[in-house]
Amino acid sequence: MDSDERDIVDYLSTCHGQFVSPKEICRRACNKKRYREDPDWAMPILPRMADQGFIERDGMGHYKLAEEKKKDRKKWVAPDIQKILEESGKDFSESIQMPPDGDPALIPPPAPPEGSKH
């Protein structure tokens, strides 16, 4: 990722998942001098970044930062917490994955409750 792409990603990360017009990205993702010299500097970069998956484009041609896949995220559990959970007598086999080498366990994110619309 080059510096122009990094500037675009940094700016879009401040927009909290909202779609932003390419003109607005050109204006706000750089400094004033850069914008005065070339007001459309980001126009060729945005479609390339969308193809690479860094950003998403809507039907109006506006862009936002691509959302990360939350299904693959796992949480770390400290060894002392893992020991407390094991000593509680409850079954956490679906939540805690014990690695064979004794490293701290990873807990996947909880599944949504049955019957929920989310």
N, C-alpha and C. Protein backbone atom coordinates (compact mmCIF):
# COMPACT_ATOMS: atom_id res chain seq x y z
N MET A 1 0.85 -1.16 0.00
CA MET A 1 0.00 0.00 0.00
C MET A 1 0.91 1.23 0.00
N ASP A 2 0.71 2.10 -0.97
CA ASP A 2 1.54 3.30 -1.06
C ASP A 2 0.98 4.42 -0.17
N SER A 3 1.66 5.56 -0.16
CA SER A 3 1.27 6.63 0.76
C SER A 3 -0.09 7.24 0.41
N ASP A 4 -0.42 7.32 -0.89
CA ASP A 4 -1.73 7.85 -1.28
C ASP A 4 -2.85 6.93 -0.78
N GLU A 5 -2.67 5.64 -0.95
CA GLU A 5 -3.67 4.68 -0.48
C GLU A 5 -3.79 4.74 1.04
N ARG A 6 -2.67 4.88 1.71
CA ARG A 6 -2.68 4.97 3.17
C ARG A 6 -3.43 6.23 3.63
N ASP A 7 -3.22 7.36 2.92
CA ASP A 7 -3.94 8.59 3.26
C ASP A 7 -5.45 8.40 3.11
N ILE A 8 -5.86 7.71 2.05
CA ILE A 8 -7.28 7.47 1.82
C ILE A 8 -7.85 6.57 2.92
N VAL A 9 -7.15 5.51 3.27
CA VAL A 9 -7.61 4.60 4.32
C VAL A 9 -7.67 5.34 5.66
N ASP A 10 -6.68 6.16 5.95
CA ASP A 10 -6.69 6.92 7.21
C ASP A 10 -7.89 7.85 7.27
N TYR A 11 -8.19 8.53 6.17
CA TYR A 11 -9.34 9.43 6.17
C TYR A 11 -10.65 8.65 6.31
N LEU A 12 -10.81 7.58 5.53
CA LEU A 12 -12.06 6.81 5.59
C LEU A 12 -12.27 6.15 6.95
N SER A 13 -11.18 5.87 7.67
CA SER A 13 -11.34 5.28 8.99
C SER A 13 -11.95 6.27 9.98
N THR A 14 -11.88 7.57 9.69
CA THR A 14 -12.51 8.56 10.56
C THR A 14 -13.99 8.76 10.25
N CYS A 15 -14.47 8.17 9.16
CA CYS A 15 -15.86 8.37 8.72
C CYS A 15 -16.81 7.34 9.32
N HIS A 16 -16.32 6.41 10.11
CA HIS A 16 -17.14 5.45 10.86
C HIS A 16 -18.13 4.68 9.99
N GLY A 17 -17.66 4.14 8.87
CA GLY A 17 -18.49 3.27 8.05
C GLY A 17 -19.47 3.98 7.15
N GLN A 18 -19.41 5.29 7.03
CA GLN A 18 -20.32 6.01 6.14
C GLN A 18 -19.68 6.16 4.76
N PHE A 19 -20.51 6.10 3.73
CA PHE A 19 -20.03 6.29 2.38
C PHE A 19 -19.72 7.77 2.15
N VAL A 20 -18.60 8.04 1.46
CA VAL A 20 -18.14 9.39 1.21
C VAL A 20 -17.91 9.56 -0.29
N SER A 21 -18.25 10.74 -0.81
CA SER A 21 -18.08 10.98 -2.25
C SER A 21 -16.59 11.06 -2.60
N PRO A 22 -16.25 10.70 -3.83
CA PRO A 22 -14.84 10.77 -4.25
C PRO A 22 -14.28 12.18 -4.16
N LYS A 23 -15.10 13.18 -4.47
CA LYS A 23 -14.65 14.57 -4.39
C LYS A 23 -14.26 14.93 -2.96
N GLU A 24 -15.07 14.48 -2.00
CA GLU A 24 -14.79 14.74 -0.58
C GLU A 24 -13.51 14.03 -0.16
N ILE A 25 -13.29 12.82 -0.64
CA ILE A 25 -12.07 12.09 -0.33
C ILE A 25 -10.87 12.83 -0.88
N CYS A 26 -10.97 13.32 -2.13
CA CYS A 26 -9.88 14.08 -2.74
C CYS A 26 -9.54 15.32 -1.91
N ARG A 27 -10.55 15.95 -1.38
CA ARG A 27 -10.34 17.19 -0.64
C ARG A 27 -9.80 16.95 0.76
N ARG A 28 -10.29 15.93 1.45
CA ARG A 28 -9.98 15.80 2.87
C ARG A 28 -8.89 14.79 3.20
N ALA A 29 -8.53 13.92 2.26
CA ALA A 29 -7.54 12.90 2.56
C ALA A 29 -6.11 13.38 2.33
N CYS A 30 -5.94 14.63 1.96
CA CYS A 30 -4.60 15.16 1.73
C CYS A 30 -4.51 16.56 2.32
N ASN A 31 -3.34 17.19 2.15
CA ASN A 31 -3.19 18.55 2.65
C ASN A 31 -3.66 19.56 1.59
N LYS A 32 -3.74 20.82 1.98
CA LYS A 32 -4.26 21.85 1.09
C LYS A 32 -3.41 22.04 -0.15
N LYS A 33 -2.11 21.97 0.01
CA LYS A 33 -1.21 22.16 -1.13
C LYS A 33 -1.43 21.08 -2.18
N ARG A 34 -1.53 19.85 -1.73
CA ARG A 34 -1.74 18.74 -2.67
C ARG A 34 -3.07 18.90 -3.40
N TYR A 35 -4.11 19.31 -2.68
CA TYR A 35 -5.43 19.48 -3.29
C TYR A 35 -5.43 20.63 -4.29
N ARG A 36 -4.72 21.73 -4.01
CA ARG A 36 -4.65 22.84 -4.95
C ARG A 36 -3.91 22.44 -6.22
N GLU A 37 -2.85 21.64 -6.10
CA GLU A 37 -2.07 21.22 -7.26
C GLU A 37 -2.84 20.25 -8.14
N ASP A 38 -3.55 19.31 -7.54
CA ASP A 38 -4.30 18.31 -8.30
C ASP A 38 -5.56 17.94 -7.53
N PRO A 39 -6.70 18.63 -7.81
CA PRO A 39 -7.92 18.37 -7.05
C PRO A 39 -8.52 16.98 -7.25
N ASP A 40 -8.15 16.28 -8.31
CA ASP A 40 -8.69 14.94 -8.58
C ASP A 40 -7.63 13.85 -8.38
N TRP A 41 -6.72 14.06 -7.47
CA TRP A 41 -5.59 13.14 -7.30
C TRP A 41 -6.02 11.73 -6.93
N ALA A 42 -7.12 11.56 -6.23
CA ALA A 42 -7.53 10.23 -5.75
C ALA A 42 -8.43 9.48 -6.73
N MET A 43 -8.89 10.15 -7.76
CA MET A 43 -9.85 9.52 -8.69
C MET A 43 -9.34 8.21 -9.31
N PRO A 44 -8.10 8.12 -9.79
CA PRO A 44 -7.65 6.83 -10.34
C PRO A 44 -7.31 5.80 -9.27
N ILE A 45 -7.08 6.23 -8.05
CA ILE A 45 -6.68 5.32 -6.98
C ILE A 45 -7.89 4.60 -6.38
N LEU A 46 -9.02 5.29 -6.26
CA LEU A 46 -10.20 4.73 -5.59
C LEU A 46 -10.72 3.45 -6.24
N PRO A 47 -10.91 3.39 -7.58
CA PRO A 47 -11.38 2.12 -8.17
C PRO A 47 -10.40 0.97 -7.97
N ARG A 48 -9.11 1.28 -8.02
CA ARG A 48 -8.09 0.24 -7.82
C ARG A 48 -8.17 -0.30 -6.40
N MET A 49 -8.34 0.58 -5.42
CA MET A 49 -8.46 0.13 -4.03
C MET A 49 -9.73 -0.68 -3.80
N ALA A 50 -10.81 -0.32 -4.51
CA ALA A 50 -12.05 -1.08 -4.40
C ALA A 50 -11.86 -2.49 -4.98
N ASP A 51 -11.12 -2.59 -6.08
CA ASP A 51 -10.85 -3.90 -6.68
C ASP A 51 -9.99 -4.76 -5.76
N GLN A 52 -9.08 -4.14 -5.02
CA GLN A 52 -8.21 -4.87 -4.11
C GLN A 52 -8.91 -5.24 -2.80
N GLY A 53 -10.07 -4.64 -2.54
CA GLY A 53 -10.83 -4.98 -1.35
C GLY A 53 -10.55 -4.11 -0.14
N PHE A 54 -9.75 -3.06 -0.27
CA PHE A 54 -9.49 -2.17 0.85
C PHE A 54 -10.69 -1.30 1.17
N ILE A 55 -11.43 -0.89 0.14
CA ILE A 55 -12.60 -0.05 0.31
C ILE A 55 -13.77 -0.64 -0.45
N GLU A 56 -14.99 -0.18 -0.12
CA GLU A 56 -16.21 -0.64 -0.79
C GLU A 56 -16.85 0.53 -1.51
N ARG A 57 -17.56 0.24 -2.60
CA ARG A 57 -18.24 1.27 -3.38
C ARG A 57 -19.73 0.97 -3.40
N ASP A 58 -20.56 2.01 -3.26
CA ASP A 58 -22.00 1.81 -3.34
C ASP A 58 -22.48 2.16 -4.75
N GLY A 59 -23.78 2.10 -4.97
CA GLY A 59 -24.36 2.36 -6.28
C GLY A 59 -24.25 3.80 -6.74
N MET A 60 -24.03 4.71 -5.82
CA MET A 60 -23.91 6.13 -6.15
C MET A 60 -22.47 6.53 -6.46
N GLY A 61 -21.53 5.60 -6.34
CA GLY A 61 -20.13 5.92 -6.60
C GLY A 61 -19.39 6.46 -5.40
N HIS A 62 -19.98 6.30 -4.21
CA HIS A 62 -19.32 6.75 -2.98
C HIS A 62 -18.57 5.57 -2.37
N TYR A 63 -17.57 5.88 -1.55
CA TYR A 63 -16.70 4.85 -1.00
C TYR A 63 -16.70 4.88 0.52
N LYS A 64 -16.42 3.71 1.10
CA LYS A 64 -16.20 3.59 2.54
C LYS A 64 -15.15 2.51 2.77
N LEU A 65 -14.59 2.51 3.96
CA LEU A 65 -13.60 1.52 4.33
C LEU A 65 -14.26 0.15 4.41
N ALA A 66 -13.63 -0.87 3.86
CA ALA A 66 -14.19 -2.22 3.89
C ALA A 66 -14.22 -2.72 5.33
N GLU A 67 -15.30 -3.39 5.68
CA GLU A 67 -15.44 -3.93 7.02
C GLU A 67 -14.66 -5.22 7.14
N GLU A 68 -14.02 -5.39 8.28
CA GLU A 68 -13.26 -6.61 8.49
C GLU A 68 -14.21 -7.76 8.83
N LYS A 69 -13.79 -8.95 8.51
CA LYS A 69 -14.60 -10.13 8.77
C LYS A 69 -14.56 -10.46 10.26
N LYS A 70 -15.69 -10.33 10.93
CA LYS A 70 -15.74 -10.56 12.37
C LYS A 70 -15.88 -12.04 12.71
N LYS A 71 -16.22 -12.86 11.74
CA LYS A 71 -16.39 -14.29 12.02
C LYS A 71 -15.07 -14.96 12.37
N ASP A 72 -13.96 -14.45 11.82
CA ASP A 72 -12.67 -15.08 12.01
C ASP A 72 -11.93 -14.60 13.25
N ARG A 73 -12.48 -13.61 13.93
CA ARG A 73 -11.81 -13.06 15.10
C ARG A 73 -11.92 -14.01 16.28
N LYS A 74 -10.84 -14.11 17.04
CA LYS A 74 -10.84 -14.91 18.25
C LYS A 74 -10.28 -14.06 19.37
N LYS A 75 -10.66 -14.39 20.61
CA LYS A 75 -10.20 -13.63 21.76
C LYS A 75 -9.24 -14.47 22.58
N TRP A 76 -8.24 -13.81 23.11
CA TRP A 76 -7.23 -14.46 23.92
C TRP A 76 -7.71 -14.54 25.36
N VAL A 77 -7.41 -15.65 26.02
CA VAL A 77 -7.76 -15.83 27.43
C VAL A 77 -6.46 -16.04 28.19
N ALA A 78 -6.28 -15.27 29.25
CA ALA A 78 -5.09 -15.40 30.08
C ALA A 78 -5.07 -16.78 30.72
N PRO A 79 -3.87 -17.34 30.93
CA PRO A 79 -3.78 -18.69 31.52
C PRO A 79 -4.46 -18.80 32.88
N ASP A 80 -4.38 -17.76 33.71
CA ASP A 80 -5.03 -17.86 35.03
C ASP A 80 -6.55 -17.86 34.91
N ILE A 81 -7.10 -17.11 33.96
CA ILE A 81 -8.54 -17.12 33.73
C ILE A 81 -8.97 -18.48 33.18
N GLN A 82 -8.14 -19.04 32.29
CA GLN A 82 -8.43 -20.36 31.73
C GLN A 82 -8.49 -21.39 32.85
N LYS A 83 -7.58 -21.30 33.81
CA LYS A 83 -7.55 -22.25 34.93
C LYS A 83 -8.82 -22.11 35.78
N ILE A 84 -9.24 -20.86 36.03
CA ILE A 84 -10.46 -20.62 36.82
C ILE A 84 -11.67 -21.21 36.11
N LEU A 85 -11.75 -21.02 34.79
CA LEU A 85 -12.87 -21.56 34.04
C LEU A 85 -12.89 -23.09 34.08
N GLU A 86 -11.71 -23.70 34.00
CA GLU A 86 -11.64 -25.17 34.05
C GLU A 86 -12.04 -25.69 35.43
N GLU A 87 -11.65 -24.97 36.49
CA GLU A 87 -11.95 -25.41 37.85
C GLU A 87 -13.40 -25.17 38.24
N SER A 88 -14.13 -24.37 37.46
CA SER A 88 -15.52 -24.07 37.81
C SER A 88 -16.44 -25.28 37.64
N GLY A 89 -15.99 -26.26 36.87
CA GLY A 89 -16.80 -27.46 36.68
C GLY A 89 -17.79 -27.37 35.54
N LYS A 90 -17.89 -26.21 34.92
CA LYS A 90 -18.81 -26.05 33.80
C LYS A 90 -18.12 -26.48 32.51
N ASP A 91 -18.93 -26.83 31.53
CA ASP A 91 -18.39 -27.28 30.24
C ASP A 91 -18.25 -26.09 29.29
N PHE A 92 -17.02 -25.74 28.98
CA PHE A 92 -16.73 -24.67 28.03
C PHE A 92 -16.10 -25.23 26.76
N SER A 93 -16.36 -26.48 26.45
CA SER A 93 -15.71 -27.12 25.31
C SER A 93 -16.06 -26.45 23.98
N GLU A 94 -17.25 -25.85 23.90
CA GLU A 94 -17.62 -25.17 22.66
C GLU A 94 -16.99 -23.78 22.58
N SER A 95 -16.60 -23.22 23.71
CA SER A 95 -16.06 -21.86 23.74
C SER A 95 -14.54 -21.82 23.76
N ILE A 96 -13.94 -22.73 24.50
CA ILE A 96 -12.50 -22.72 24.69
C ILE A 96 -11.88 -23.79 23.81
N GLN A 97 -10.88 -23.38 23.07
CA GLN A 97 -10.13 -24.33 22.26
C GLN A 97 -8.77 -24.51 22.90
N MET A 98 -8.50 -25.70 23.35
CA MET A 98 -7.24 -25.97 24.03
C MET A 98 -6.19 -26.40 23.01
N PRO A 99 -5.14 -25.62 22.81
CA PRO A 99 -4.09 -26.05 21.92
C PRO A 99 -3.26 -27.16 22.56
N PRO A 100 -2.71 -28.06 21.78
CA PRO A 100 -1.99 -29.20 22.34
C PRO A 100 -0.69 -28.82 23.05
N ASP A 101 -0.10 -27.68 22.72
CA ASP A 101 1.19 -27.33 23.29
C ASP A 101 1.07 -26.55 24.60
N GLY A 102 -0.14 -26.31 25.09
CA GLY A 102 -0.33 -25.65 26.37
C GLY A 102 -0.31 -24.14 26.32
N ASP A 103 -0.34 -23.55 25.14
CA ASP A 103 -0.42 -22.09 25.04
C ASP A 103 -1.77 -21.61 25.52
N PRO A 104 -1.91 -20.31 25.79
CA PRO A 104 -3.22 -19.79 26.22
C PRO A 104 -4.30 -20.11 25.19
N ALA A 105 -5.50 -20.31 25.68
CA ALA A 105 -6.63 -20.71 24.83
C ALA A 105 -7.18 -19.51 24.06
N LEU A 106 -7.82 -19.80 22.97
CA LEU A 106 -8.51 -18.80 22.18
C LEU A 106 -10.00 -19.08 22.26
N ILE A 107 -10.78 -18.04 22.45
CA ILE A 107 -12.22 -18.18 22.51
C ILE A 107 -12.81 -17.51 21.28
N PRO A 108 -13.57 -18.23 20.44
CA PRO A 108 -14.22 -17.58 19.31
C PRO A 108 -15.36 -16.70 19.79
N PRO A 109 -15.79 -15.73 19.01
CA PRO A 109 -16.90 -14.89 19.43
C PRO A 109 -18.16 -15.72 19.63
N PRO A 110 -19.01 -15.35 20.59
CA PRO A 110 -20.20 -16.14 20.86
C PRO A 110 -21.19 -16.09 19.70
N ALA A 111 -21.88 -17.19 19.50
CA ALA A 111 -22.91 -17.24 18.45
C ALA A 111 -24.14 -16.50 18.94
N PRO A 112 -24.89 -15.87 18.02
CA PRO A 112 -26.10 -15.19 18.46
C PRO A 112 -27.12 -16.19 18.97
N PRO A 113 -27.93 -15.81 19.95
CA PRO A 113 -28.91 -16.73 20.50
C PRO A 113 -29.95 -17.13 19.44
N GLU A 114 -30.44 -18.35 19.58
CA GLU A 114 -31.45 -18.83 18.63
C GLU A 114 -32.71 -17.98 18.75
N GLY A 115 -33.34 -17.72 17.60
CA GLY A 115 -34.54 -16.93 17.59
C GLY A 115 -34.27 -15.43 17.46
N SER A 116 -33.00 -15.04 17.51
CA SER A 116 -32.69 -13.62 17.35
C SER A 116 -32.67 -13.28 15.87
N LYS A 117 -33.02 -12.07 15.54
CA LYS A 117 -33.09 -11.66 14.13
C LYS A 117 -31.75 -11.21 13.60
N HIS A 118 -30.73 -11.12 14.42
CA HIS A 118 -29.42 -10.62 13.99
C HIS A 118 -28.57 -11.75 13.57
